[in-house]
Amino acid sequence: MTTTEATAPDAARGPDDAFHVFDTTLRDGAQREGINLTVADKLTIARHLDEFGVGFIEGGWPGANPRDTEFFARARAEIRFKHAQLVAFGATRRAGGSAAQDPQVRALLESGAPVITLVAKSHDRHVELALRTTLDENLEMVRDTVSHLVAQGRRVFVDCEHFFDGYRANPEYAKSVVRAAHEAGADVVILCDTNGGMLPAQIGATVSTVLADTGARLGIHAQDDTGCAVANTLAAVDAGATHVQCTANGYGERVGNANLFPVVAALEIKYGRRVLPEGALAEMTRTSHAIAEVVNLTPSTHQPYVGVSAFAHKAGLHASAIKVDPDLYQHIDPELVGNTMRMLVSDMAGRASIELKGKELGVDLGGDRALIARVVERVKERELAGYTYEAADASFELLLRAEAEGRARKYFRTESWRAIVEDRPDGTHANEATVKLWAKGERIVATAEGNGPVNALDRALRVALERFYPQLAKFELTDYKVRILEGTHGTESTTRVLISTTDGTREWSTVGVAPNVIAASWQALEDAITYGLLRAGVEPAE
């Protein structure tokens, strides 16, 4: 046994062992369809979770696949954990064998992880049909494996798989598995709603009974198949569980696991239970989005607490109340979790919405009721025509400034534009655009090719203007969305285009609407360049 291994179990208990936040993103979360983590990805996520302040990070199943084995080796060498303890996941020894001789158990020890989570069968039918052994032998597998790992200086948690379904079918046997793990030295026995079919009342009643009947320290692992994983986790806490297993952003098999972020926020803010290091809760939104980037999934905009829409307000009635007191329509101050309040501008907007949105964008309307009324009417008129400003803040700011300043910001004036798509005999296509503009008193004609007509227009616009505005070299189109508006039909439909652009530091979105998709795209491109130059501090040419 190395020095690190000998001292790790005491360190694993940390300064406050009364309540555990246990993250299994790297194992259970990685089973989500569409997630395929490299070792480098897992190391990056582990660092994010450690910085956030979770107590335990389950890294995977060493010995089960080379990727997880490599992760544990590299994590020990490359990461100096500040808050979390690394956890290796594995199963109880095989039926009829010995834990001391089981190669899978040996791999858990060789991982060097100070904490080991064992999955054990607690549903009698799973024991007989999946393990193909007796109920008594399953109990011995639990006792032998737990006691062997504890004797080797490891802290052991036991996941009782399918516990709630097993308890419903055979409560005495399910509880006997909990007792076997507890009496063999497991620090925590986790009751798993593996199929995700339980509801909060069922979870609470079962946890309360098992706690009273076994005396074991209990944890909860909830899947989200009924949409109740977070509620089930908190119900278990109410019933006495002191260990919660979650995944970042609720990633996991099928519909996912209990979402780490709402669980932690509820514990800290609603329950008043300190489960994170000082100041860590304010990093929650950033952590959520950073992990989403690593797994290459778009962050959920409507996720509780951390979604960009979590504190977004659209209705004019809401805005009027928020202007008086934000708490009237918000359950917490968004800054507590590192998020911000946003005002959405739409045809539902009232004067308060416009005024608050103006302040958010740095445009002080000065309480000018006539001006605000004009902006409200202008927005409603434009939205009736198909524009949407809740997803295009940049276009709205340009509209707002035009009304407030009495004129539109102009860095160039369009004389005409043309886009040509040529269908060639060999099946290929050529896209060419020509723009005719006026900028700083000079007429410019520019032509460019692209991989589509909109790309060709974008390039031609840059060719025409970069000599006057070198800032354009940093601008890059990052997203392009087209929608045929409801209530119109076929090729004669009105089209809405949303474009996202970045200068490498920040991103902005613009909108265009026209019967022609290219014309709608041109509007959005014009706004994108105008807004980018405005943000760069460039003075308008006219």
Protein backbone atom coordinates (compact mmCIF):
# COMPACT_ATOMS: atom_id res chain seq x y z
CA MET A 1 0.00 0.00 0.00
CA THR A 2 1.39 3.39 -0.99
CA THR A 3 1.47 6.39 1.32
CA THR A 4 -1.18 8.10 -0.79
CA GLU A 5 -3.49 5.14 -0.51
CA ALA A 6 -2.99 4.83 3.23
CA THR A 7 -3.84 8.44 4.00
CA ALA A 8 -6.56 8.99 1.41
CA PRO A 9 -9.56 7.55 3.28
CA ASP A 10 -9.23 10.00 6.16
CA ALA A 11 -8.79 12.87 3.69
CA ALA A 12 -11.87 11.63 1.86
CA ARG A 13 -14.03 12.55 4.81
CA GLY A 14 -13.16 16.22 4.41
CA PRO A 15 -13.79 18.98 6.94
CA ASP A 16 -17.53 18.32 7.07
CA ASP A 17 -18.74 14.80 6.41
CA ALA A 18 -22.30 15.42 7.57
CA PHE A 19 -23.74 15.76 4.06
CA HIS A 20 -22.39 14.54 0.70
CA VAL A 21 -22.80 16.02 -2.76
CA PHE A 22 -21.72 13.18 -5.03
CA ASP A 23 -21.37 13.78 -8.78
CA THR A 24 -21.52 10.95 -11.31
CA THR A 25 -21.39 12.92 -14.56
CA LEU A 26 -18.26 11.11 -15.69
CA ARG A 27 -19.87 7.70 -15.32
CA ASP A 28 -23.67 7.73 -15.23
CA GLY A 29 -23.96 11.08 -17.04
CA ALA A 30 -21.68 9.83 -19.81
CA GLN A 31 -24.27 7.16 -20.65
CA ARG A 32 -26.52 9.79 -22.20
CA GLU A 33 -27.17 9.31 -25.90
CA GLY A 34 -24.98 11.76 -27.83
CA ILE A 35 -22.24 12.06 -25.20
CA ASN A 36 -18.89 10.41 -25.92
CA LEU A 37 -16.20 11.69 -23.59
CA THR A 38 -12.48 11.41 -24.25
CA VAL A 39 -10.05 11.11 -21.36
CA ALA A 40 -9.16 14.77 -21.87
CA ASP A 41 -12.87 15.68 -21.69
CA LYS A 42 -13.25 13.77 -18.43
CA LEU A 43 -10.22 15.47 -16.90
CA THR A 44 -11.59 18.89 -17.87
CA ILE A 45 -15.03 18.15 -16.41
CA ALA A 46 -13.43 16.79 -13.22
CA ARG A 47 -11.58 20.09 -12.79
CA HIS A 48 -14.80 22.07 -13.27
CA LEU A 49 -16.63 19.94 -10.71
CA ASP A 50 -13.80 20.19 -8.20
CA GLU A 51 -13.67 23.97 -8.58
CA PHE A 52 -17.44 24.09 -8.09
CA GLY A 53 -16.96 22.25 -4.81
CA VAL A 54 -18.71 18.88 -5.01
CA GLY A 55 -17.48 16.40 -2.41
CA PHE A 56 -17.10 13.32 -4.60
CA ILE A 57 -16.48 12.80 -8.32
CA GLU A 58 -17.21 9.33 -9.66
CA GLY A 59 -14.74 8.94 -12.50
CA GLY A 60 -15.86 5.69 -14.10
CA TRP A 61 -15.27 1.94 -13.93
CA PRO A 62 -11.52 1.18 -13.92
CA GLY A 63 -10.73 -2.16 -15.49
CA ALA A 64 -14.00 -2.23 -17.41
CA ASN A 65 -12.56 -0.22 -20.31
CA PRO A 66 -9.14 1.28 -21.14
CA ARG A 67 -10.49 4.85 -21.21
CA ASP A 68 -11.59 4.79 -17.58
CA THR A 69 -8.42 3.04 -16.47
CA GLU A 70 -6.37 5.76 -18.18
CA PHE A 71 -8.54 8.49 -16.64
CA PHE A 72 -7.77 7.37 -13.08
CA ALA A 73 -4.05 7.14 -13.80
CA ARG A 74 -3.96 10.62 -15.33
CA ALA A 75 -6.28 12.19 -12.76
CA ARG A 76 -3.98 11.08 -9.94
CA ALA A 77 -0.97 12.51 -11.74
CA GLU A 78 -2.45 15.67 -13.27
CA ILE A 79 -5.15 16.99 -10.93
CA ARG A 80 -4.60 18.29 -7.44
CA PHE A 81 -8.15 18.17 -6.11
CA LYS A 82 -9.03 21.06 -3.81
CA HIS A 83 -12.50 20.00 -2.71
CA ALA A 84 -13.50 16.66 -4.22
CA GLN A 85 -12.43 13.08 -3.68
CA LEU A 86 -12.11 10.79 -6.70
CA VAL A 87 -14.39 7.75 -6.68
CA ALA A 88 -13.98 4.49 -8.61
CA PHE A 89 -17.11 2.56 -9.54
CA GLY A 90 -17.38 -1.21 -9.76
CA ALA A 91 -19.47 -4.24 -8.84
CA THR A 92 -19.47 -6.75 -6.02
CA ARG A 93 -17.38 -9.85 -6.64
CA ARG A 94 -18.68 -12.66 -8.80
CA ALA A 95 -20.92 -15.37 -7.39
CA GLY A 96 -19.01 -18.31 -5.93
CA GLY A 97 -15.69 -16.47 -5.87
CA SER A 98 -13.64 -14.42 -3.46
CA ALA A 99 -13.30 -10.64 -3.39
CA ALA A 100 -9.57 -10.97 -2.70
CA GLN A 101 -9.14 -12.96 -5.93
CA ASP A 102 -11.62 -11.09 -8.13
CA PRO A 103 -9.81 -9.23 -10.97
CA GLN A 104 -12.50 -6.55 -11.17
CA VAL A 105 -12.16 -5.81 -7.44
CA ARG A 106 -8.39 -5.72 -7.84
CA ALA A 107 -8.75 -3.12 -10.62
CA LEU A 108 -10.71 -0.92 -8.24
CA LEU A 109 -7.84 -0.99 -5.76
CA GLU A 110 -5.26 -0.41 -8.48
CA SER A 111 -7.09 2.73 -9.59
CA GLY A 112 -5.73 4.43 -6.47
CA ALA A 113 -9.10 6.06 -5.78
CA PRO A 114 -9.59 6.64 -2.04
CA VAL A 115 -13.34 6.00 -2.33
CA ILE A 116 -15.04 3.10 -4.09
CA THR A 117 -18.72 2.77 -5.01
CA LEU A 118 -19.97 -0.77 -5.43
CA VAL A 119 -23.18 -1.55 -7.27
CA ALA A 120 -25.14 -4.35 -5.62
CA LYS A 121 -28.39 -6.07 -6.54
CA SER A 122 -31.22 -5.36 -4.11
CA HIS A 123 -34.16 -6.61 -6.20
CA ASP A 124 -34.71 -10.33 -5.67
CA ARG A 125 -35.70 -10.99 -9.29
CA HIS A 126 -32.55 -9.29 -10.55
CA VAL A 127 -30.45 -11.48 -8.26
CA GLU A 128 -32.03 -14.65 -9.59
CA LEU A 129 -32.42 -13.67 -13.26
CA ALA A 130 -29.46 -11.33 -13.92
CA LEU A 131 -26.82 -12.63 -11.49
CA ARG A 132 -28.19 -16.20 -11.68
CA THR A 133 -27.39 -16.88 -8.06
CA THR A 134 -29.20 -17.29 -4.78
CA LEU A 135 -30.44 -14.51 -2.53
CA ASP A 136 -28.10 -15.65 0.24
CA GLU A 137 -25.06 -15.72 -2.06
CA ASN A 138 -25.85 -12.16 -3.20
CA LEU A 139 -25.73 -11.03 0.44
CA GLU A 140 -22.39 -12.78 0.87
CA MET A 141 -21.05 -11.09 -2.28
CA VAL A 142 -21.93 -7.73 -0.72
CA ARG A 143 -20.38 -8.55 2.66
CA ASP A 144 -17.19 -10.06 1.22
CA THR A 145 -16.50 -7.25 -1.26
CA VAL A 146 -17.23 -4.40 1.14
CA SER A 147 -15.20 -5.87 4.00
CA HIS A 148 -12.26 -6.66 1.70
CA LEU A 149 -12.09 -3.10 0.33
CA VAL A 150 -12.46 -1.58 3.80
CA ALA A 151 -9.61 -3.80 5.02
CA GLN A 152 -7.51 -2.41 2.18
CA GLY A 153 -8.03 1.12 3.50
CA ARG A 154 -10.77 2.24 1.16
CA ARG A 155 -13.91 4.12 1.99
CA VAL A 156 -16.86 2.24 0.48
CA PHE A 157 -20.27 3.40 -0.71
CA VAL A 158 -22.80 0.82 -1.92
CA ASP A 159 -25.36 1.59 -4.64
CA CYS A 160 -28.40 -0.65 -4.15
CA GLU A 161 -29.53 -0.97 -7.74
CA HIS A 162 -33.30 -1.08 -8.45
CA PHE A 163 -33.84 -0.61 -4.72
CA PHE A 164 -37.30 0.97 -4.80
CA ASP A 165 -38.73 -1.57 -7.25
CA GLY A 166 -37.10 -4.33 -5.21
CA TYR A 167 -38.49 -2.92 -1.98
CA ARG A 168 -41.98 -2.86 -3.44
CA ALA A 169 -41.63 -6.52 -4.52
CA ASN A 170 -39.82 -7.87 -1.44
CA PRO A 171 -39.17 -5.25 1.22
CA GLU A 172 -37.46 -7.57 3.70
CA TYR A 173 -34.89 -8.77 1.20
CA ALA A 174 -34.19 -5.24 -0.06
CA LYS A 175 -33.55 -4.14 3.53
CA SER A 176 -31.32 -7.18 4.13
CA VAL A 177 -29.00 -5.96 1.35
CA VAL A 178 -28.77 -2.57 3.06
CA ARG A 179 -27.96 -4.23 6.38
CA ALA A 180 -25.34 -6.50 4.80
CA ALA A 181 -23.53 -3.52 3.27
CA HIS A 182 -23.78 -1.42 6.44
CA GLU A 183 -22.62 -4.19 8.78
CA ALA A 184 -19.67 -5.02 6.48
CA GLY A 185 -18.38 -1.46 6.81
CA ALA A 186 -19.97 0.58 4.02
CA ASP A 187 -20.10 4.23 5.04
CA VAL A 188 -23.18 5.02 2.97
CA VAL A 189 -25.79 2.81 1.34
CA ILE A 190 -27.44 4.53 -1.61
CA LEU A 191 -31.01 3.68 -2.53
CA CYS A 192 -31.29 3.80 -6.32
CA ASP A 193 -34.42 4.50 -8.34
CA THR A 194 -32.74 2.87 -11.32
CA ASN A 195 -35.83 2.76 -13.54
CA GLY A 196 -36.82 6.29 -12.54
CA GLY A 197 -40.44 5.35 -11.95
CA MET A 198 -40.92 6.55 -8.38
CA LEU A 199 -42.73 9.67 -7.14
CA PRO A 200 -41.69 11.90 -4.21
CA ALA A 201 -44.19 10.52 -1.69
CA GLN A 202 -43.06 6.94 -2.42
CA ILE A 203 -39.41 7.91 -2.10
CA GLY A 204 -39.93 9.73 1.19
CA ALA A 205 -41.92 6.92 2.80
CA THR A 206 -39.44 4.23 1.76
CA VAL A 207 -36.33 6.13 2.84
CA SER A 208 -37.88 6.91 6.22
CA THR A 209 -38.78 3.27 6.85
CA VAL A 210 -35.45 1.84 5.67
CA LEU A 211 -33.54 4.36 7.78
CA ALA A 212 -35.49 3.38 10.89
CA ASP A 213 -35.27 -0.37 10.22
CA THR A 214 -31.58 -0.66 9.29
CA GLY A 215 -29.73 2.15 11.07
CA ALA A 216 -27.58 2.62 7.96
CA ARG A 217 -26.53 6.01 6.63
CA LEU A 218 -28.56 6.43 3.43
CA GLY A 219 -28.10 8.21 0.13
CA ILE A 220 -30.32 8.69 -2.92
CA HIS A 221 -29.70 8.13 -6.63
CA ALA A 222 -32.70 9.15 -8.76
CA GLN A 223 -33.26 8.78 -12.49
CA ASP A 224 -35.61 11.27 -14.16
CA ASP A 225 -37.99 9.05 -16.13
CA THR A 226 -41.06 10.59 -14.45
CA GLY A 227 -39.56 14.08 -14.46
CA CYS A 228 -39.26 13.85 -10.67
CA ALA A 229 -35.55 13.14 -10.10
CA VAL A 230 -34.82 16.47 -8.39
CA ALA A 231 -38.05 16.31 -6.36
CA ASN A 232 -37.35 12.67 -5.45
CA THR A 233 -33.84 13.58 -4.32
CA LEU A 234 -35.12 16.33 -2.07
CA ALA A 235 -37.89 14.06 -0.74
CA ALA A 236 -35.19 11.57 0.25
CA VAL A 237 -33.27 14.35 2.02
CA ASP A 238 -36.44 15.33 3.88
CA ALA A 239 -36.77 11.68 4.97
CA GLY A 240 -33.21 11.54 6.31
CA ALA A 241 -30.84 10.81 3.42
CA THR A 242 -27.52 12.65 3.80
CA HIS A 243 -25.89 11.76 0.48
CA VAL A 244 -27.21 12.89 -2.93
CA GLN A 245 -25.98 11.51 -6.25
CA CYS A 246 -26.47 13.80 -9.25
CA THR A 247 -25.08 14.67 -12.68
CA ALA A 248 -24.24 18.05 -14.18
CA ASN A 249 -27.21 19.38 -16.20
CA GLY A 250 -29.07 16.14 -15.47
CA TYR A 251 -27.12 14.14 -18.08
CA GLY A 252 -27.68 10.41 -17.99
CA GLU A 253 -29.16 7.34 -19.60
CA ARG A 254 -32.62 7.62 -21.16
CA VAL A 255 -34.00 10.99 -19.95
CA GLY A 256 -31.23 11.55 -17.42
CA ASN A 257 -30.44 11.76 -13.72
CA ALA A 258 -31.18 14.18 -10.90
CA ASN A 259 -29.70 17.49 -12.01
CA LEU A 260 -26.81 18.58 -9.79
CA PHE A 261 -27.50 22.29 -10.08
CA PRO A 262 -31.17 22.53 -8.99
CA VAL A 263 -30.45 20.04 -6.19
CA VAL A 264 -27.51 22.02 -4.85
CA ALA A 265 -29.30 25.35 -5.25
CA ALA A 266 -32.32 24.02 -3.36
CA LEU A 267 -30.15 22.69 -0.55
CA GLU A 268 -28.20 25.93 -0.22
CA ILE A 269 -30.93 28.50 -0.81
CA LYS A 270 -34.19 26.81 0.12
CA TYR A 271 -32.98 24.50 2.89
CA GLY A 272 -30.24 26.77 4.19
CA ARG A 273 -27.81 23.83 4.19
CA ARG A 274 -24.21 24.69 3.31
CA VAL A 275 -23.01 22.00 0.90
CA LEU A 276 -20.54 24.00 -1.22
CA PRO A 277 -17.47 26.07 -0.38
CA GLU A 278 -17.99 29.76 0.32
CA GLY A 279 -18.81 31.66 -2.88
CA ALA A 280 -19.12 28.55 -5.06
CA LEU A 281 -22.87 28.87 -5.65
CA ALA A 282 -22.30 32.09 -7.63
CA GLU A 283 -20.22 30.01 -10.08
CA MET A 284 -23.08 27.62 -10.80
CA THR A 285 -24.26 29.08 -14.11
CA ARG A 286 -20.72 29.34 -15.46
CA THR A 287 -19.96 25.75 -14.39
CA SER A 288 -23.14 24.41 -16.00
CA HIS A 289 -22.39 26.10 -19.32
CA ALA A 290 -18.70 25.16 -19.25
CA ILE A 291 -19.52 21.46 -18.84
CA ALA A 292 -22.13 21.69 -21.61
CA GLU A 293 -19.42 23.03 -23.91
CA VAL A 294 -17.10 20.11 -23.07
CA VAL A 295 -19.76 17.47 -23.81
CA ASN A 296 -20.69 19.43 -26.97
CA LEU A 297 -24.36 19.87 -26.11
CA THR A 298 -26.15 23.20 -26.32
CA PRO A 299 -26.97 24.41 -22.79
CA SER A 300 -30.66 24.11 -22.03
CA THR A 301 -32.04 27.65 -22.16
CA HIS A 302 -34.91 26.79 -19.81
CA GLN A 303 -32.98 24.85 -17.18
CA PRO A 304 -33.86 25.98 -13.64
CA TYR A 305 -31.47 28.46 -12.03
CA VAL A 306 -28.77 28.37 -14.76
CA GLY A 307 -30.66 28.59 -18.08
CA VAL A 308 -30.46 31.89 -19.93
CA SER A 309 -34.27 32.02 -19.76
CA ALA A 310 -34.48 31.13 -16.06
CA PHE A 311 -34.89 34.80 -15.12
CA ALA A 312 -36.19 36.16 -18.44
CA HIS A 313 -39.41 38.15 -18.38
CA LYS A 314 -41.65 38.75 -21.36
CA ALA A 315 -45.13 39.82 -20.28
CA GLY A 316 -45.74 43.51 -19.74
CA LEU A 317 -47.56 42.77 -16.46
CA HIS A 318 -44.46 41.04 -15.12
CA ALA A 319 -42.22 43.88 -16.22
CA SER A 320 -44.37 46.47 -14.49
CA ALA A 321 -44.11 44.55 -11.23
CA ILE A 322 -40.37 43.91 -11.62
CA LYS A 323 -39.79 47.62 -12.13
CA VAL A 324 -41.15 48.11 -8.62
CA ASP A 325 -39.50 45.06 -7.04
CA PRO A 326 -37.76 42.22 -8.96
CA ASP A 327 -38.69 39.75 -6.20
CA LEU A 328 -42.35 40.01 -7.16
CA TYR A 329 -41.79 37.68 -10.14
CA GLN A 330 -38.52 35.95 -9.21
CA HIS A 331 -38.10 33.29 -6.54
CA ILE A 332 -34.44 34.25 -5.90
CA ASP A 333 -31.94 36.91 -6.87
CA PRO A 334 -30.35 35.44 -10.05
CA GLU A 335 -26.93 36.71 -8.99
CA LEU A 336 -26.91 34.13 -6.19
CA VAL A 337 -26.35 31.43 -8.84
CA GLY A 338 -24.31 33.55 -11.25
CA ASN A 339 -27.20 34.27 -13.60
CA THR A 340 -28.83 37.54 -14.65
CA MET A 341 -32.32 38.89 -15.12
CA ARG A 342 -33.28 39.59 -18.72
CA MET A 343 -36.17 41.50 -20.20
CA LEU A 344 -37.57 40.08 -23.43
CA VAL A 345 -39.06 42.41 -25.98
CA SER A 346 -42.05 41.19 -27.95
CA ASP A 347 -45.56 42.20 -28.93
CA MET A 348 -46.49 41.38 -25.33
CA ALA A 349 -44.19 44.16 -24.11
CA GLY A 350 -45.51 47.12 -22.19
CA ARG A 351 -43.83 50.39 -21.28
CA ALA A 352 -42.09 48.91 -18.26
CA SER A 353 -40.58 46.13 -20.39
CA ILE A 354 -39.17 48.63 -22.87
CA GLU A 355 -37.79 50.91 -20.18
CA LEU A 356 -36.13 48.05 -18.28
CA LYS A 357 -34.74 46.58 -21.50
CA GLY A 358 -33.33 49.97 -22.42
CA LYS A 359 -31.47 50.14 -19.10
CA GLU A 360 -30.18 46.60 -19.62
CA LEU A 361 -28.77 47.63 -23.01
CA GLY A 362 -27.34 50.90 -21.74
CA VAL A 363 -29.93 53.13 -23.43
CA ASP A 364 -31.51 55.46 -20.87
CA LEU A 365 -34.97 56.46 -22.07
CA GLY A 366 -35.17 59.02 -19.27
CA GLY A 367 -38.76 58.18 -18.43
CA ASP A 368 -39.87 59.85 -21.67
CA ARG A 369 -43.39 58.44 -21.90
CA ALA A 370 -43.94 59.58 -25.50
CA LEU A 371 -40.66 57.98 -26.61
CA ILE A 372 -41.38 54.75 -24.78
CA ALA A 373 -44.88 54.64 -26.28
CA ARG A 374 -43.38 55.05 -29.78
CA VAL A 375 -40.97 52.19 -29.17
CA VAL A 376 -43.77 49.96 -27.86
CA GLU A 377 -45.88 50.62 -30.95
CA ARG A 378 -42.91 50.15 -33.24
CA VAL A 379 -42.11 46.78 -31.66
CA LYS A 380 -45.70 45.59 -31.90
CA GLU A 381 -45.89 46.72 -35.53
CA ARG A 382 -42.64 44.93 -36.41
CA GLU A 383 -43.56 41.74 -34.56
CA LEU A 384 -46.88 41.66 -36.41
CA ALA A 385 -44.84 41.69 -39.63
CA GLY A 386 -42.84 38.68 -38.40
CA TYR A 387 -39.83 40.15 -36.58
CA THR A 388 -38.83 38.75 -33.19
CA TYR A 389 -36.68 40.73 -30.81
CA GLU A 390 -36.50 38.40 -27.83
CA ALA A 391 -33.91 36.40 -29.80
CA ALA A 392 -32.29 39.42 -31.49
CA ASP A 393 -31.14 41.92 -28.88
CA ALA A 394 -28.78 43.62 -31.31
CA SER A 395 -31.54 44.46 -33.79
CA PHE A 396 -33.72 45.71 -30.96
CA GLU A 397 -30.96 47.96 -29.62
CA LEU A 398 -30.52 49.49 -33.07
CA LEU A 399 -34.28 50.12 -33.27
CA LEU A 400 -34.28 51.59 -29.76
CA ARG A 401 -31.35 53.91 -30.48
CA ALA A 402 -32.91 55.05 -33.74
CA GLU A 403 -36.09 56.09 -31.92
CA ALA A 404 -34.20 57.68 -29.00
CA GLU A 405 -31.70 59.55 -31.20
CA GLY A 406 -34.14 60.46 -33.96
CA ARG A 407 -32.10 58.75 -36.67
CA ALA A 408 -30.71 55.34 -37.48
CA ARG A 409 -27.02 54.55 -37.05
CA LYS A 410 -25.49 54.36 -40.55
CA TYR A 411 -21.99 53.19 -41.39
CA PHE A 412 -22.87 52.60 -45.04
CA ARG A 413 -25.79 53.00 -47.42
CA THR A 414 -26.95 50.24 -49.72
CA GLU A 415 -27.52 51.11 -53.37
CA SER A 416 -28.24 47.55 -54.46
CA TRP A 417 -27.19 43.94 -54.03
CA ARG A 418 -27.47 40.84 -56.17
CA ALA A 419 -26.92 37.13 -55.49
CA ILE A 420 -26.58 34.56 -58.27
CA VAL A 421 -26.73 30.78 -57.94
CA GLU A 422 -25.43 28.96 -61.02
CA ASP A 423 -26.35 25.32 -61.57
CA ARG A 424 -23.55 23.74 -63.58
CA PRO A 425 -23.79 20.68 -65.87
CA ASP A 426 -21.51 18.63 -63.61
CA GLY A 427 -23.98 18.95 -60.73
CA THR A 428 -21.99 21.58 -58.80
CA HIS A 429 -23.19 25.07 -57.93
CA ALA A 430 -21.49 28.46 -58.00
CA ASN A 431 -22.66 31.26 -55.69
CA GLU A 432 -21.70 34.83 -56.48
CA ALA A 433 -22.84 38.12 -54.97
CA THR A 434 -22.33 41.75 -55.97
CA VAL A 435 -23.00 44.67 -53.65
CA LYS A 436 -23.09 48.38 -54.46
CA LEU A 437 -22.65 50.59 -51.41
CA TRP A 438 -21.81 54.11 -50.32
CA ALA A 439 -19.45 54.60 -47.37
CA LYS A 440 -17.72 57.79 -46.22
CA GLY A 441 -18.77 59.58 -49.41
CA GLU A 442 -17.37 56.89 -51.71
CA ARG A 443 -19.26 54.49 -53.95
CA ILE A 444 -18.01 50.89 -53.75
CA VAL A 445 -18.82 47.93 -55.95
CA ALA A 446 -17.61 44.55 -54.68
CA THR A 447 -18.10 40.97 -55.81
CA ALA A 448 -17.35 37.74 -53.96
CA GLU A 449 -18.06 34.04 -54.15
CA GLY A 450 -19.25 31.82 -51.29
CA ASN A 451 -20.49 28.36 -50.44
CA GLY A 452 -24.05 29.69 -50.62
CA PRO A 453 -25.76 32.91 -51.67
CA VAL A 454 -25.86 34.31 -48.10
CA ASN A 455 -22.19 33.49 -47.53
CA ALA A 456 -21.35 35.17 -50.84
CA LEU A 457 -23.28 38.31 -49.79
CA ASP A 458 -21.51 38.33 -46.42
CA ARG A 459 -18.11 38.12 -48.13
CA ALA A 460 -18.96 40.78 -50.67
CA LEU A 461 -20.08 43.12 -47.91
CA ARG A 462 -16.78 42.62 -46.09
CA VAL A 463 -14.75 43.11 -49.25
CA ALA A 464 -16.57 46.41 -49.81
CA LEU A 465 -16.21 47.76 -46.27
CA GLU A 466 -13.04 46.38 -44.65
CA ARG A 467 -10.93 49.17 -46.15
CA PHE A 468 -13.06 51.69 -44.25
CA TYR A 469 -13.74 49.58 -41.18
CA PRO A 470 -10.85 47.20 -40.41
CA GLN A 471 -12.76 45.99 -37.32
CA LEU A 472 -14.80 43.79 -39.67
CA ALA A 473 -11.86 41.40 -39.97
CA LYS A 474 -12.70 40.13 -36.47
CA PHE A 475 -16.40 39.58 -37.18
CA GLU A 476 -17.50 36.02 -37.85
CA LEU A 477 -20.96 34.63 -38.51
CA THR A 478 -21.52 31.81 -36.00
CA ASP A 479 -25.12 30.76 -36.54
CA TYR A 480 -27.80 31.12 -39.20
CA LYS A 481 -31.44 30.13 -38.71
CA VAL A 482 -34.32 30.32 -41.17
CA ARG A 483 -37.96 29.94 -40.26
CA ILE A 484 -41.07 29.97 -42.43
CA LEU A 485 -43.59 31.95 -40.41
CA GLU A 486 -46.85 30.40 -39.25
CA GLY A 487 -49.95 31.22 -41.19
CA THR A 488 -48.19 31.42 -44.57
CA HIS A 489 -47.67 28.75 -47.16
CA GLY A 490 -45.06 27.24 -49.42
CA THR A 491 -42.69 29.24 -51.60
CA GLU A 492 -44.76 32.41 -51.14
CA SER A 493 -44.30 32.38 -47.37
CA THR A 494 -42.73 35.16 -45.34
CA THR A 495 -39.32 34.16 -44.06
CA ARG A 496 -37.55 35.15 -40.85
CA VAL A 497 -33.76 34.89 -40.58
CA LEU A 498 -31.77 35.05 -37.35
CA ILE A 499 -28.02 35.53 -37.55
CA SER A 500 -25.50 35.28 -34.71
CA THR A 501 -22.16 37.07 -35.07
CA THR A 502 -19.07 37.27 -32.87
CA ASP A 503 -16.01 39.50 -32.69
CA GLY A 504 -14.13 36.87 -30.70
CA THR A 505 -15.13 38.42 -27.38
CA ARG A 506 -18.90 38.67 -27.40
CA GLU A 507 -21.76 37.45 -29.56
CA TRP A 508 -24.85 39.26 -30.84
CA SER A 509 -27.97 38.29 -32.77
CA THR A 510 -29.89 40.12 -35.48
CA VAL A 511 -33.10 39.50 -37.38
CA GLY A 512 -34.43 40.09 -40.88
CA VAL A 513 -37.89 39.42 -42.34
CA ALA A 514 -38.92 39.37 -46.00
CA PRO A 515 -40.81 37.23 -48.52
CA ASN A 516 -37.40 36.38 -49.99
CA VAL A 517 -34.94 34.41 -47.79
CA ILE A 518 -31.97 36.25 -49.33
CA ALA A 519 -33.56 39.64 -48.68
CA ALA A 520 -34.28 38.66 -45.06
CA SER A 521 -30.68 37.52 -44.72
CA TRP A 522 -29.39 40.83 -46.09
CA GLN A 523 -31.36 42.75 -43.44
CA ALA A 524 -29.89 40.62 -40.69
CA LEU A 525 -26.37 41.00 -42.14
CA GLU A 526 -26.73 44.78 -42.31
CA ASP A 527 -27.81 44.91 -38.67
CA ALA A 528 -25.02 42.53 -37.64
CA ILE A 529 -22.30 44.74 -39.12
CA THR A 530 -23.91 47.97 -37.91
CA TYR A 531 -24.23 46.68 -34.36
CA GLY A 532 -20.70 45.26 -34.33
CA LEU A 533 -19.22 48.58 -35.40
CA LEU A 534 -21.36 50.40 -32.81
CA ARG A 535 -20.09 48.10 -30.05
CA ALA A 536 -16.51 48.62 -31.28
CA GLY A 537 -16.92 52.35 -30.68
CA VAL A 538 -16.76 53.35 -34.35
CA GLU A 539 -18.42 56.68 -35.19
CA PRO A 540 -21.16 56.49 -37.83
CA ALA A 541 -20.20 57.69 -41.28
CA GLU A 542 -23.45 59.59 -41.73
